[in-house]
Amino acid sequence: MYTQGLDQQGKPEQEKQRRPAESEAELRAFQRRCDAEEKIEAKDWMPEAYRRTLVRQISQHAHSEIIGMQPEGNWLTRAPSLKRKVILLAKVQDEAGHGLYLYSAAETLGVSRDKMVDDLLSGKAKYSSIFNYATLTWADIGAIGWLVDGAAIMNQVPLCRCSYGPYARAMVRVCKEESFHQRQGFDIMHVLCSGSEAQKAMAQDALNRWWWPSLMMFGPSDKDSEHSAQSMAWKIKRFSNDELRQKFVDATVPQAEFLGLRVPDDDLHFNEATGHYEFGDIDWQEFYDVLAGNGPCNRERLAKRQKAHDDGAWVREAARAYAAKHAVQEAA
């Protein structure tokens, strides 16, 4: 759900030409390890396509955590109380930590952090479409925690059993912290819905604007998800996009009803025969437009990340100078 661009990523011809020869025996042995639920570690042999898929997925996940700090950071100075400010500050700090874990996990696959950051800033790498929507009111912070982080948990808990060991281990702590984020968001919505009519209307408005983008977070429908089957065979993914989306709807609709809010979907209804909620059609054109860089805040998000990167240049330069000086001293 934080790696929606995987189905749009091509395979550059040069990259395919550089790929080392892989025998059928090696590929079958690797698949047997995946089928046996063995963890693949950084120094283990792996197919180039497996490595490439993980680099894209983990780096895009990391980019999403870092870009995802911006919509909520927008409210750090405007939170309605000191308590809310401290909680939100802790959450934004968590997101920075998640990005660090994930960049570190991706680096074990042989890609440098500089390369990943360059790909993000150039627009080559994707991040989750959800972070290109504006946070207009304090209720949006509640909606992000409740819906966006709730969707993240739905997808990321299975990633704790991902076949790639460094990624799976990073996700254990990430998921524990995401569960706090989800509860924080639901608490904000609960307080608003228990307050005045204006506060409840604010919560309803946030739900109206964030519901459909949250469903898009899980990525394209299974029939349009080109690489999903292979990722599931390798045990990188455990559930398909549509399965995760359905689980999210089934879990979230009763929560909205408890809050006294209406999900903005006239086609939403509970199917007694299947035991699942059926929901309306998603506007996939909006999803692809946002993913392509034409969302409400795409340019703003990347511009702020570029500025932060530029402003931090002196720190990177100082670190390199210190490392070079230390290396000289060690050699002497």
Protein backbone atom coordinates (compact mmCIF):
# COMPACT_ATOMS: atom_id res chain seq x y z
CA MET A 1 0.00 0.00 0.00
CA TYR A 2 3.02 2.27 0.34
CA THR A 3 4.43 0.84 -2.92
CA GLN A 4 1.70 1.61 -5.40
CA GLY A 5 4.15 2.39 -8.19
CA LEU A 6 5.42 -1.17 -8.50
CA ASP A 7 2.96 -2.02 -11.23
CA GLN A 8 4.03 1.00 -13.26
CA GLN A 9 7.77 0.40 -12.98
CA GLY A 10 9.45 -0.80 -16.13
CA LYS A 11 12.57 -2.93 -16.49
CA PRO A 12 15.27 -0.83 -18.18
CA GLU A 13 16.98 -2.63 -21.02
CA GLN A 14 20.44 -1.94 -19.60
CA GLU A 15 19.43 -3.46 -16.28
CA LYS A 16 18.19 -6.60 -18.00
CA GLN A 17 21.43 -6.86 -19.96
CA ARG A 18 23.52 -6.59 -16.78
CA ARG A 19 21.59 -9.36 -15.05
CA PRO A 20 23.83 -12.39 -14.37
CA ALA A 21 22.79 -15.72 -15.81
CA GLU A 22 20.49 -17.63 -13.48
CA SER A 23 20.11 -21.38 -13.90
CA GLU A 24 16.79 -23.16 -13.59
CA ALA A 25 18.25 -25.18 -10.72
CA GLU A 26 19.09 -22.01 -8.79
CA LEU A 27 15.64 -20.55 -9.38
CA ARG A 28 13.90 -23.77 -8.28
CA ALA A 29 16.08 -24.01 -5.16
CA PHE A 30 15.28 -20.40 -4.28
CA GLN A 31 11.55 -20.97 -4.72
CA ARG A 32 11.75 -24.03 -2.47
CA ARG A 33 13.27 -21.84 0.24
CA CYS A 34 10.42 -19.36 -0.12
CA ASP A 35 7.84 -22.14 -0.05
CA ALA A 36 9.45 -23.55 3.09
CA GLU A 37 9.07 -20.12 4.78
CA GLU A 38 12.85 -19.70 5.14
CA LYS A 39 14.14 -16.18 5.57
CA ILE A 40 16.33 -14.86 2.76
CA GLU A 41 19.24 -12.84 4.13
CA ALA A 42 21.34 -10.14 2.49
CA LYS A 43 24.30 -12.41 1.68
CA ASP A 44 22.16 -15.27 0.34
CA TRP A 45 21.82 -15.92 -3.38
CA MET A 46 18.63 -14.47 -4.81
CA PRO A 47 17.22 -13.93 -8.31
CA GLU A 48 17.94 -10.48 -9.70
CA ALA A 49 14.21 -9.92 -10.21
CA TYR A 50 13.60 -10.66 -6.51
CA ARG A 51 16.29 -8.19 -5.48
CA ARG A 52 15.00 -5.55 -7.89
CA THR A 53 11.42 -5.96 -6.65
CA LEU A 54 12.52 -5.56 -3.04
CA VAL A 55 14.62 -2.48 -3.81
CA ARG A 56 11.61 -0.82 -5.46
CA GLN A 57 9.18 -1.86 -2.74
CA ILE A 58 11.32 -1.03 0.29
CA SER A 59 12.63 2.26 -1.11
CA GLN A 60 9.13 3.39 -2.09
CA HIS A 61 7.94 2.42 1.37
CA ALA A 62 10.76 4.51 2.89
CA HIS A 63 9.97 7.48 0.63
CA SER A 64 6.32 7.30 1.71
CA GLU A 65 7.26 7.46 5.39
CA ILE A 66 9.46 10.51 4.81
CA ILE A 67 7.02 12.38 2.55
CA GLY A 68 4.22 11.33 4.90
CA MET A 69 5.69 13.53 7.62
CA GLN A 70 4.62 16.66 5.71
CA PRO A 71 0.79 16.52 5.87
CA GLU A 72 0.88 16.06 9.64
CA GLY A 73 3.85 18.35 10.19
CA ASN A 74 1.57 21.02 8.78
CA TRP A 75 -0.39 20.89 12.07
CA LEU A 76 2.45 20.66 14.62
CA THR A 77 2.19 24.34 15.55
CA ARG A 78 -1.62 24.41 15.34
CA ALA A 79 -2.63 21.36 17.37
CA PRO A 80 -5.52 22.30 19.71
CA SER A 81 -3.67 21.54 22.96
CA LEU A 82 -0.19 20.90 24.30
CA LYS A 83 -1.09 17.22 24.77
CA ARG A 84 -2.15 16.87 21.14
CA LYS A 85 0.98 18.69 19.99
CA VAL A 86 3.26 16.34 21.95
CA ILE A 87 1.44 13.26 20.63
CA LEU A 88 1.58 14.49 17.03
CA LEU A 89 5.25 15.42 17.39
CA ALA A 90 5.99 11.88 18.62
CA LYS A 91 4.11 10.44 15.67
CA VAL A 92 5.96 12.53 13.08
CA GLN A 93 9.22 11.51 14.74
CA ASP A 94 8.17 7.87 14.43
CA GLU A 95 7.65 8.31 10.69
CA ALA A 96 11.19 9.63 10.32
CA GLY A 97 12.43 6.56 12.18
CA HIS A 98 10.44 4.27 9.90
CA GLY A 99 12.09 5.85 6.88
CA LEU A 100 15.50 5.26 8.48
CA TYR A 101 14.79 1.57 9.18
CA LEU A 102 13.56 1.04 5.65
CA TYR A 103 16.38 2.86 3.87
CA SER A 104 18.78 0.76 5.95
CA ALA A 105 16.95 -2.44 4.96
CA ALA A 106 17.08 -1.46 1.27
CA GLU A 107 20.81 -0.74 1.52
CA THR A 108 21.41 -4.41 2.39
CA LEU A 109 20.33 -5.17 -1.18
CA GLY A 110 23.22 -3.20 -2.65
CA VAL A 111 21.57 0.15 -3.40
CA SER A 112 22.93 3.32 -1.82
CA ARG A 113 20.81 5.74 0.14
CA ASP A 114 22.03 8.58 -2.06
CA LYS A 115 20.70 6.75 -5.12
CA MET A 116 17.32 6.19 -3.48
CA VAL A 117 17.04 9.83 -2.42
CA ASP A 118 18.09 11.04 -5.88
CA ASP A 119 15.40 8.84 -7.46
CA LEU A 120 12.80 10.34 -5.14
CA LEU A 121 13.80 13.96 -5.77
CA SER A 122 14.02 13.45 -9.53
CA GLY A 123 10.52 11.97 -9.62
CA LYS A 124 11.78 8.60 -10.83
CA ALA A 125 10.76 6.82 -7.62
CA LYS A 126 7.16 6.78 -6.40
CA TYR A 127 5.65 7.17 -2.96
CA SER A 128 2.12 6.51 -1.74
CA SER A 129 -0.52 8.60 -3.49
CA ILE A 130 -2.28 9.29 -0.17
CA PHE A 131 0.34 11.81 0.91
CA ASN A 132 -0.48 14.14 -1.97
CA TYR A 133 -3.73 15.30 -0.35
CA ALA A 134 -3.95 18.41 1.82
CA THR A 135 -4.68 18.47 5.56
CA LEU A 136 -7.24 21.27 5.70
CA THR A 137 -8.50 20.89 9.28
CA TRP A 138 -7.47 19.28 12.55
CA ALA A 139 -9.95 16.46 11.78
CA ASP A 140 -7.74 15.51 8.83
CA ILE A 141 -5.03 14.53 11.33
CA GLY A 142 -7.54 12.22 12.97
CA ALA A 143 -8.60 10.81 9.61
CA ILE A 144 -4.99 10.12 8.63
CA GLY A 145 -4.31 8.26 11.85
CA TRP A 146 -7.56 6.32 11.75
CA LEU A 147 -7.80 5.57 8.02
CA VAL A 148 -4.31 5.91 6.52
CA ASP A 149 -2.43 4.29 9.37
CA GLY A 150 -5.24 1.77 9.76
CA ALA A 151 -4.74 0.79 6.12
CA ALA A 152 -0.98 0.69 6.69
CA ILE A 153 -1.40 -1.78 9.54
CA MET A 154 -3.64 -3.96 7.39
CA ASN A 155 -0.87 -4.25 4.81
CA GLN A 156 2.22 -4.12 6.96
CA VAL A 157 1.45 -6.74 9.60
CA PRO A 158 1.75 -9.47 6.93
CA LEU A 159 5.07 -7.91 5.90
CA CYS A 160 6.45 -9.01 9.28
CA ARG A 161 6.44 -12.46 7.64
CA CYS A 162 8.04 -11.25 4.41
CA SER A 163 10.57 -13.71 3.00
CA TYR A 164 13.35 -11.11 3.09
CA GLY A 165 14.71 -11.09 6.63
CA PRO A 166 15.92 -7.46 7.02
CA TYR A 167 12.60 -6.10 5.74
CA ALA A 168 10.52 -8.43 7.92
CA ARG A 169 12.48 -7.54 11.05
CA ALA A 170 12.22 -3.80 10.39
CA MET A 171 8.46 -4.14 10.04
CA VAL A 172 8.00 -5.58 13.53
CA ARG A 173 8.79 -2.28 15.23
CA VAL A 174 7.11 -0.25 12.48
CA CYS A 175 3.83 -2.10 13.01
CA LYS A 176 3.92 -1.63 16.77
CA GLU A 177 4.29 2.10 16.30
CA GLU A 178 1.66 2.24 13.55
CA SER A 179 -0.86 0.69 15.94
CA PHE A 180 -0.28 3.66 18.28
CA HIS A 181 -0.78 6.02 15.33
CA GLN A 182 -4.07 4.40 14.41
CA ARG A 183 -5.40 4.62 17.97
CA GLN A 184 -4.31 8.26 18.19
CA GLY A 185 -6.23 9.08 15.02
CA PHE A 186 -9.37 7.26 16.13
CA ASP A 187 -9.22 9.06 19.48
CA ILE A 188 -9.14 12.43 17.70
CA MET A 189 -12.19 11.46 15.64
CA HIS A 190 -13.98 10.12 18.73
CA VAL A 191 -13.43 13.37 20.65
CA LEU A 192 -14.65 15.43 17.70
CA CYS A 193 -17.73 13.24 17.22
CA SER A 194 -18.52 13.55 20.94
CA GLY A 195 -18.28 17.34 20.83
CA SER A 196 -20.33 20.04 19.19
CA GLU A 197 -22.24 19.73 15.95
CA ALA A 198 -19.56 21.80 14.24
CA GLN A 199 -16.84 19.44 15.47
CA LYS A 200 -18.76 16.37 14.30
CA ALA A 201 -19.34 18.03 10.93
CA MET A 202 -15.59 18.63 10.70
CA ALA A 203 -14.99 14.91 11.35
CA GLN A 204 -17.56 13.94 8.70
CA ASP A 205 -15.97 16.27 6.17
CA ALA A 206 -12.55 14.69 6.80
CA LEU A 207 -13.99 11.21 6.34
CA ASN A 208 -15.66 12.31 3.10
CA ARG A 209 -12.34 13.51 1.68
CA TRP A 210 -10.05 10.72 2.92
CA TRP A 211 -12.22 7.62 2.46
CA TRP A 212 -11.68 6.97 -1.24
CA PRO A 213 -7.96 7.89 -1.30
CA SER A 214 -7.53 5.45 1.61
CA LEU A 215 -9.06 2.64 -0.45
CA MET A 216 -6.72 3.53 -3.31
CA MET A 217 -3.73 3.05 -1.00
CA PHE A 218 -3.82 -0.71 -1.48
CA GLY A 219 -2.93 -0.28 -5.12
CA PRO A 220 -4.64 -1.29 -8.36
CA SER A 221 -7.28 -3.99 -8.55
CA ASP A 222 -5.82 -7.50 -8.75
CA LYS A 223 -6.69 -7.79 -12.44
CA ASP A 224 -4.53 -4.72 -13.13
CA SER A 225 -1.70 -5.58 -10.73
CA GLU A 226 0.97 -7.04 -12.96
CA HIS A 227 3.56 -8.12 -10.39
CA SER A 228 1.34 -9.07 -7.47
CA ALA A 229 1.26 -12.80 -8.26
CA GLN A 230 5.04 -13.10 -8.43
CA SER A 231 5.50 -11.15 -5.20
CA MET A 232 3.08 -13.51 -3.49
CA ALA A 233 4.91 -16.56 -4.87
CA TRP A 234 8.15 -15.20 -3.40
CA LYS A 235 6.32 -14.54 -0.09
CA ILE A 236 7.11 -10.85 -0.26
CA LYS A 237 3.37 -10.18 -0.21
CA ARG A 238 0.93 -12.41 1.66
CA PHE A 239 -2.39 -11.02 0.42
CA SER A 240 -3.52 -9.49 -2.83
CA ASN A 241 -4.48 -5.82 -3.13
CA ASP A 242 -8.19 -6.56 -3.29
CA GLU A 243 -8.05 -8.93 -0.31
CA LEU A 244 -6.38 -6.27 1.84
CA ARG A 245 -8.81 -3.59 0.65
CA GLN A 246 -11.76 -5.79 1.60
CA LYS A 247 -10.30 -6.50 5.04
CA PHE A 248 -9.85 -2.77 5.58
CA VAL A 249 -13.45 -1.97 4.61
CA ASP A 250 -14.83 -4.76 6.79
CA ALA A 251 -12.87 -3.50 9.80
CA THR A 252 -13.41 0.22 9.29
CA VAL A 253 -17.11 0.56 8.45
CA PRO A 254 -18.24 -0.62 11.92
CA GLN A 255 -15.81 1.90 13.45
CA ALA A 256 -17.40 4.70 11.42
CA GLU A 257 -20.84 3.57 12.59
CA PHE A 258 -19.64 3.62 16.21
CA LEU A 259 -18.48 7.21 15.71
CA GLY A 260 -21.84 8.12 14.22
CA LEU A 261 -20.28 8.99 10.85
CA ARG A 262 -21.52 8.06 7.40
CA VAL A 263 -19.10 6.46 4.93
CA PRO A 264 -19.40 8.49 1.68
CA ASP A 265 -20.48 5.57 -0.52
CA ASP A 266 -24.10 5.18 -1.59
CA ASP A 267 -23.38 1.64 -2.79
CA LEU A 268 -21.97 0.45 0.54
CA HIS A 269 -23.94 -2.39 2.11
CA PHE A 270 -23.36 -5.55 4.11
CA ASN A 271 -23.78 -8.80 2.21
CA GLU A 272 -25.18 -11.40 4.60
CA ALA A 273 -24.29 -14.24 2.25
CA THR A 274 -20.59 -13.41 2.04
CA GLY A 275 -20.15 -11.76 5.41
CA HIS A 276 -18.42 -8.79 3.78
CA TYR A 277 -19.28 -5.19 3.00
CA GLU A 278 -19.72 -4.46 -0.68
CA PHE A 279 -18.62 -1.01 -1.79
CA GLY A 280 -18.82 1.19 -4.86
CA ASP A 281 -16.40 1.61 -7.74
CA ILE A 282 -13.12 3.39 -7.08
CA ASP A 283 -12.14 6.27 -9.36
CA TRP A 284 -8.94 4.71 -10.65
CA GLN A 285 -8.33 7.64 -12.99
CA GLU A 286 -7.83 9.86 -9.95
CA PHE A 287 -5.43 7.28 -8.52
CA TYR A 288 -3.28 7.17 -11.66
CA ASP A 289 -3.37 10.96 -12.04
CA VAL A 290 -2.07 11.44 -8.49
CA LEU A 291 0.52 8.69 -8.91
CA ALA A 292 1.72 10.36 -12.11
CA GLY A 293 2.39 13.59 -10.20
CA ASN A 294 -0.82 15.48 -10.87
CA GLY A 295 -2.42 15.34 -7.43
CA PRO A 296 -3.39 18.31 -5.24
CA CYS A 297 -0.01 18.52 -3.47
CA ASN A 298 2.51 16.49 -5.52
CA ARG A 299 4.69 19.42 -6.49
CA GLU A 300 4.47 20.97 -3.03
CA ARG A 301 5.56 17.73 -1.36
CA LEU A 302 8.62 17.23 -3.57
CA ALA A 303 9.56 20.90 -3.40
CA LYS A 304 9.61 20.79 0.40
CA ARG A 305 11.62 17.57 0.39
CA GLN A 306 14.10 19.11 -2.06
CA LYS A 307 14.46 22.19 0.14
CA ALA A 308 15.04 20.05 3.22
CA HIS A 309 17.64 18.06 1.29
CA ASP A 310 19.40 21.23 0.14
CA ASP A 311 19.29 22.78 3.62
CA GLY A 312 20.93 19.66 5.03
CA ALA A 313 23.82 19.66 2.56
CA TRP A 314 26.22 21.18 5.11
CA VAL A 315 25.52 18.30 7.53
CA ARG A 316 26.37 15.71 4.88
CA GLU A 317 29.49 17.63 3.88
CA ALA A 318 30.61 17.87 7.51
CA ALA A 319 30.03 14.16 8.02
CA ARG A 320 32.08 13.30 4.92
CA ALA A 321 34.89 15.63 6.04
CA TYR A 322 34.92 14.06 9.49
CA ALA A 323 34.95 10.57 8.03
CA ALA A 324 37.87 11.46 5.75
CA LYS A 325 39.80 13.03 8.63
CA HIS A 326 39.12 10.01 10.84
CA ALA A 327 40.28 7.65 8.08
CA VAL A 328 43.57 9.55 7.76
CA GLN A 329 44.08 9.37 11.51
CA GLU A 330 43.35 5.65 11.55
CA ALA A 331 45.81 5.05 8.73
CA ALA A 332 48.51 7.02 10.56
